[in-house]
Amino acid sequence: MFCQALIITIAFLIFKHLLDGFYSQYFKIYLNNYVNGKKNSKKRRKIEKKFIF
């Protein structure tokens, strides 16, 4: 039982770490496109379609 809990905890931490990395990367892309203005709006829309479920 303890072993199973440990595995679940480790998996959760890894997942959370990956999720944080993913969101910060996405936020950076979004911010860059926002700063660049309408120039990259098509690219941003494509990225949003890919990530928003």
PDB file of N, CA and C in Angstrom:
ATOM      1  N   MET A   1       0.836  -1.207   0.000  1.00  0.00           N
ATOM      2  CA  MET A   1       0.000   0.000   0.000  1.00  0.00           C
ATOM      3  C   MET A   1       0.874   1.262   0.000  1.00  0.00           C
ATOM      4  N   PHE A   2       1.879   1.263   0.864  1.00  0.00           N
ATOM      5  CA  PHE A   2       2.766   2.422   0.945  1.00  0.00           C
ATOM      6  C   PHE A   2       3.512   2.613  -0.374  1.00  0.00           C
ATOM      7  N   CYS A   3       3.957   1.504  -0.949  1.00  0.00           N
ATOM      8  CA  CYS A   3       4.708   1.542  -2.203  1.00  0.00           C
ATOM      9  C   CYS A   3       3.849   2.152  -3.313  1.00  0.00           C
ATOM     10  N   GLN A   4       2.592   1.739  -3.359  1.00  0.00           N
ATOM     11  CA  GLN A   4       1.669   2.242  -4.376  1.00  0.00           C
ATOM     12  C   GLN A   4       1.474   3.755  -4.218  1.00  0.00           C
ATOM     13  N   ALA A   5       1.321   4.194  -2.987  1.00  0.00           N
ATOM     14  CA  ALA A   5       1.133   5.623  -2.721  1.00  0.00           C
ATOM     15  C   ALA A   5       2.360   6.411  -3.171  1.00  0.00           C
ATOM     16  N   LEU A   6       3.537   5.833  -2.927  1.00  0.00           N
ATOM     17  CA  LEU A   6       4.791   6.484  -3.309  1.00  0.00           C
ATOM     18  C   LEU A   6       4.862   6.642  -4.829  1.00  0.00           C
ATOM     19  N   ILE A   7       4.507   5.575  -5.533  1.00  0.00           N
ATOM     20  CA  ILE A   7       4.537   5.604  -7.003  1.00  0.00           C
ATOM     21  C   ILE A   7       3.564   6.657  -7.524  1.00  0.00           C
ATOM     22  N   ILE A   8       2.371   6.706  -6.952  1.00  0.00           N
ATOM     23  CA  ILE A   8       1.360   7.682  -7.375  1.00  0.00           C
ATOM     24  C   ILE A   8       1.859   9.106  -7.124  1.00  0.00           C
ATOM     25  N   THR A   9       2.476   9.314  -5.964  1.00  0.00           N
ATOM     26  CA  THR A   9       2.994  10.641  -5.622  1.00  0.00           C
ATOM     27  C   THR A   9       4.067  11.074  -6.604  1.00  0.00           C
ATOM     28  N   ILE A  10       5.002  10.169  -6.907  1.00  0.00           N
ATOM     29  CA  ILE A  10       6.090  10.491  -7.836  1.00  0.00           C
ATOM     30  C   ILE A  10       5.524  10.801  -9.216  1.00  0.00           C
ATOM     31  N   ALA A  11       4.573   9.972  -9.660  1.00  0.00           N
ATOM     32  CA  ALA A  11       3.956  10.184 -10.970  1.00  0.00           C
ATOM     33  C   ALA A  11       3.262  11.548 -11.013  1.00  0.00           C
ATOM     34  N   PHE A  12       2.574  11.887  -9.925  1.00  0.00           N
ATOM     35  CA  PHE A  12       1.871  13.165  -9.853  1.00  0.00           C
ATOM     36  C   PHE A  12       2.855  14.333  -9.930  1.00  0.00           C
ATOM     37  N   LEU A  13       3.973  14.220  -9.199  1.00  0.00           N
ATOM     38  CA  LEU A  13       4.968  15.290  -9.201  1.00  0.00           C
ATOM     39  C   LEU A  13       5.560  15.482 -10.592  1.00  0.00           C
ATOM     40  N   ILE A  14       5.863  14.359 -11.257  1.00  0.00           N
ATOM     41  CA  ILE A  14       6.414  14.439 -12.609  1.00  0.00           C
ATOM     42  C   ILE A  14       5.400  15.100 -13.538  1.00  0.00           C
ATOM     43  N   PHE A  15       4.147  14.662 -13.429  1.00  0.00           N
ATOM     44  CA  PHE A  15       3.075  15.198 -14.267  1.00  0.00           C
ATOM     45  C   PHE A  15       2.911  16.699 -14.036  1.00  0.00           C
ATOM     46  N   LYS A  16       2.919  17.110 -12.762  1.00  0.00           N
ATOM     47  CA  LYS A  16       2.765  18.521 -12.412  1.00  0.00           C
ATOM     48  C   LYS A  16       3.922  19.338 -12.988  1.00  0.00           C
ATOM     49  N   HIS A  17       5.137  18.788 -12.884  1.00  0.00           N
ATOM     50  CA  HIS A  17       6.321  19.462 -13.403  1.00  0.00           C
ATOM     51  C   HIS A  17       6.196  19.657 -14.915  1.00  0.00           C
ATOM     52  N   LEU A  18       5.766  18.609 -15.610  1.00  0.00           N
ATOM     53  CA  LEU A  18       5.601  18.689 -17.061  1.00  0.00           C
ATOM     54  C   LEU A  18       4.524  19.707 -17.418  1.00  0.00           C
ATOM     55  N   LEU A  19       3.434  19.699 -16.651  1.00  0.00           N
ATOM     56  CA  LEU A  19       2.327  20.608 -16.908  1.00  0.00           C
ATOM     57  C   LEU A  19       2.775  22.061 -16.710  1.00  0.00           C
ATOM     58  N   ASP A  20       3.527  22.312 -15.624  1.00  0.00           N
ATOM     59  CA  ASP A  20       4.027  23.663 -15.361  1.00  0.00           C
ATOM     60  C   ASP A  20       4.921  24.122 -16.506  1.00  0.00           C
ATOM     61  N   GLY A  21       5.801  23.228 -16.956  1.00  0.00           N
ATOM     62  CA  GLY A  21       6.702  23.558 -18.055  1.00  0.00           C
ATOM     63  C   GLY A  21       5.927  23.876 -19.316  1.00  0.00           C
ATOM     64  N   PHE A  22       4.902  23.060 -19.576  1.00  0.00           N
ATOM     65  CA  PHE A  22       4.082  23.226 -20.775  1.00  0.00           C
ATOM     66  C   PHE A  22       3.354  24.561 -20.736  1.00  0.00           C
ATOM     67  N   TYR A  23       2.759  24.879 -19.578  1.00  0.00           N
ATOM     68  CA  TYR A  23       1.990  26.118 -19.484  1.00  0.00           C
ATOM     69  C   TYR A  23       2.881  27.346 -19.578  1.00  0.00           C
ATOM     70  N   SER A  24       4.077  27.295 -18.965  1.00  0.00           N
ATOM     71  CA  SER A  24       4.957  28.455 -19.038  1.00  0.00           C
ATOM     72  C   SER A  24       5.437  28.658 -20.473  1.00  0.00           C
ATOM     73  N   GLN A  25       5.682  27.536 -21.184  1.00  0.00           N
ATOM     74  CA  GLN A  25       6.106  27.621 -22.580  1.00  0.00           C
ATOM     75  C   GLN A  25       4.989  28.228 -23.425  1.00  0.00           C
ATOM     76  N   TYR A  26       3.772  27.755 -23.209  1.00  0.00           N
ATOM     77  CA  TYR A  26       2.614  28.245 -23.953  1.00  0.00           C
ATOM     78  C   TYR A  26       2.400  29.731 -23.672  1.00  0.00           C
ATOM     79  N   PHE A  27       2.559  30.114 -22.395  1.00  0.00           N
ATOM     80  CA  PHE A  27       2.375  31.505 -22.007  1.00  0.00           C
ATOM     81  C   PHE A  27       3.410  32.389 -22.693  1.00  0.00           C
ATOM     82  N   LYS A  28       4.666  31.905 -22.782  1.00  0.00           N
ATOM     83  CA  LYS A  28       5.725  32.654 -23.452  1.00  0.00           C
ATOM     84  C   LYS A  28       5.389  32.870 -24.918  1.00  0.00           C
ATOM     85  N   ILE A  29       4.916  31.793 -25.576  1.00  0.00           N
ATOM     86  CA  ILE A  29       4.542  31.889 -26.988  1.00  0.00           C
ATOM     87  C   ILE A  29       3.424  32.915 -27.147  1.00  0.00           C
ATOM     88  N   TYR A  30       2.420  32.803 -26.281  1.00  0.00           N
ATOM     89  CA  TYR A  30       1.258  33.684 -26.346  1.00  0.00           C
ATOM     90  C   TYR A  30       1.683  35.137 -26.149  1.00  0.00           C
ATOM     91  N   LEU A  31       2.560  35.360 -25.165  1.00  0.00           N
ATOM     92  CA  LEU A  31       3.024  36.705 -24.847  1.00  0.00           C
ATOM     93  C   LEU A  31       3.819  37.282 -26.012  1.00  0.00           C
ATOM     94  N   ASN A  32       4.711  36.467 -26.583  1.00  0.00           N
ATOM     95  CA  ASN A  32       5.506  36.912 -27.729  1.00  0.00           C
ATOM     96  C   ASN A  32       4.607  37.331 -28.880  1.00  0.00           C
ATOM     97  N   ASN A  33       3.612  36.507 -29.173  1.00  0.00           N
ATOM     98  CA  ASN A  33       2.705  36.816 -30.276  1.00  0.00           C
ATOM     99  C   ASN A  33       1.884  38.065 -29.981  1.00  0.00           C
ATOM    100  N   TYR A  34       1.504  38.228 -28.709  1.00  0.00           N
ATOM    101  CA  TYR A  34       0.727  39.396 -28.314  1.00  0.00           C
ATOM    102  C   TYR A  34       1.557  40.660 -28.500  1.00  0.00           C
ATOM    103  N   VAL A  35       2.837  40.579 -28.114  1.00  0.00           N
ATOM    104  CA  VAL A  35       3.735  41.724 -28.242  1.00  0.00           C
ATOM    105  C   VAL A  35       3.982  42.046 -29.714  1.00  0.00           C
ATOM    106  N   ASN A  36       4.129  40.995 -30.523  1.00  0.00           N
ATOM    107  CA  ASN A  36       4.379  41.199 -31.954  1.00  0.00           C
ATOM    108  C   ASN A  36       3.156  41.724 -32.688  1.00  0.00           C
ATOM    109  N   GLY A  37       2.011  41.610 -32.056  1.00  0.00           N
ATOM    110  CA  GLY A  37       0.800  42.153 -32.657  1.00  0.00           C
ATOM    111  C   GLY A  37       0.124  41.180 -33.605  1.00  0.00           C
ATOM    112  N   LYS A  38      -0.552  41.750 -34.594  1.00  0.00           N
ATOM    113  CA  LYS A  38      -1.389  40.947 -35.494  1.00  0.00           C
ATOM    114  C   LYS A  38      -0.562  40.130 -36.484  1.00  0.00           C
ATOM    115  N   LYS A  39       0.729  40.407 -36.527  1.00  0.00           N
ATOM    116  CA  LYS A  39       1.618  39.741 -37.477  1.00  0.00           C
ATOM    117  C   LYS A  39       1.522  38.217 -37.388  1.00  0.00           C
ATOM    118  N   ASN A  40       1.469  37.709 -36.139  1.00  0.00           N
ATOM    119  CA  ASN A  40       1.459  36.264 -35.924  1.00  0.00           C
ATOM    120  C   ASN A  40       0.105  35.738 -35.456  1.00  0.00           C
ATOM    121  N   SER A  41      -0.962  36.478 -35.731  1.00  0.00           N
ATOM    122  CA  SER A  41      -2.262  36.084 -35.176  1.00  0.00           C
ATOM    123  C   SER A  41      -2.718  34.731 -35.708  1.00  0.00           C
ATOM    124  N   LYS A  42      -2.383  34.425 -36.982  1.00  0.00           N
ATOM    125  CA  LYS A  42      -2.773  33.128 -37.544  1.00  0.00           C
ATOM    126  C   LYS A  42      -2.079  32.004 -36.803  1.00  0.00           C
ATOM    127  N   LYS A  43      -0.788  32.197 -36.544  1.00  0.00           N
ATOM    128  CA  LYS A  43      -0.008  31.175 -35.834  1.00  0.00           C
ATOM    129  C   LYS A  43      -0.577  30.966 -34.434  1.00  0.00           C
ATOM    130  N   ARG A  44      -0.917  32.075 -33.766  1.00  0.00           N
ATOM    131  CA  ARG A  44      -1.451  31.981 -32.406  1.00  0.00           C
ATOM    132  C   ARG A  44      -2.775  31.223 -32.404  1.00  0.00           C
ATOM    133  N   ARG A  45      -3.621  31.517 -33.389  1.00  0.00           N
ATOM    134  CA  ARG A  45      -4.910  30.850 -33.457  1.00  0.00           C
ATOM    135  C   ARG A  45      -4.727  29.350 -33.665  1.00  0.00           C
ATOM    136  N   LYS A  46      -3.743  28.989 -34.495  1.00  0.00           N
ATOM    137  CA  LYS A  46      -3.449  27.583 -34.743  1.00  0.00           C
ATOM    138  C   LYS A  46      -2.999  26.904 -33.454  1.00  0.00           C
ATOM    139  N   ILE A  47      -2.139  27.579 -32.696  1.00  0.00           N
ATOM    140  CA  ILE A  47      -1.639  27.032 -31.428  1.00  0.00           C
ATOM    141  C   ILE A  47      -2.787  26.870 -30.438  1.00  0.00           C
ATOM    142  N   GLU A  48      -3.658  27.886 -30.357  1.00  0.00           N
ATOM    143  CA  GLU A  48      -4.783  27.816 -29.424  1.00  0.00           C
ATOM    144  C   GLU A  48      -5.713  26.661 -29.765  1.00  0.00           C
ATOM    145  N   LYS A  49      -5.984  26.484 -31.069  1.00  0.00           N
ATOM    146  CA  LYS A  49      -6.854  25.385 -31.487  1.00  0.00           C
ATOM    147  C   LYS A  49      -6.266  24.051 -31.071  1.00  0.00           C
ATOM    148  N   LYS A  50      -4.941  23.942 -31.166  1.00  0.00           N
ATOM    149  CA  LYS A  50      -4.272  22.690 -30.825  1.00  0.00           C
ATOM    150  C   LYS A  50      -4.392  22.385 -29.333  1.00  0.00           C
ATOM    151  N   PHE A  51      -4.308  23.419 -28.482  1.00  0.00           N
ATOM    152  CA  PHE A  51      -4.180  23.186 -27.040  1.00  0.00           C
ATOM    153  C   PHE A  51      -5.478  23.297 -26.258  1.00  0.00           C
ATOM    154  N   ILE A  52      -6.458  24.003 -26.785  1.00  0.00           N
ATOM    155  CA  ILE A  52      -7.705  24.173 -26.033  1.00  0.00           C
ATOM    156  C   ILE A  52      -8.664  23.055 -26.413  1.00  0.00           C
ATOM    157  N   PHE A  53      -9.140  22.332 -25.429  1.00  0.00           N
ATOM    158  CA  PHE A  53      -9.980  21.163 -25.689  1.00  0.00           C
ATOM    159  C   PHE A  53     -11.452  21.534 -25.555  1.00  0.00           C
TER     160      PHE A  53
END
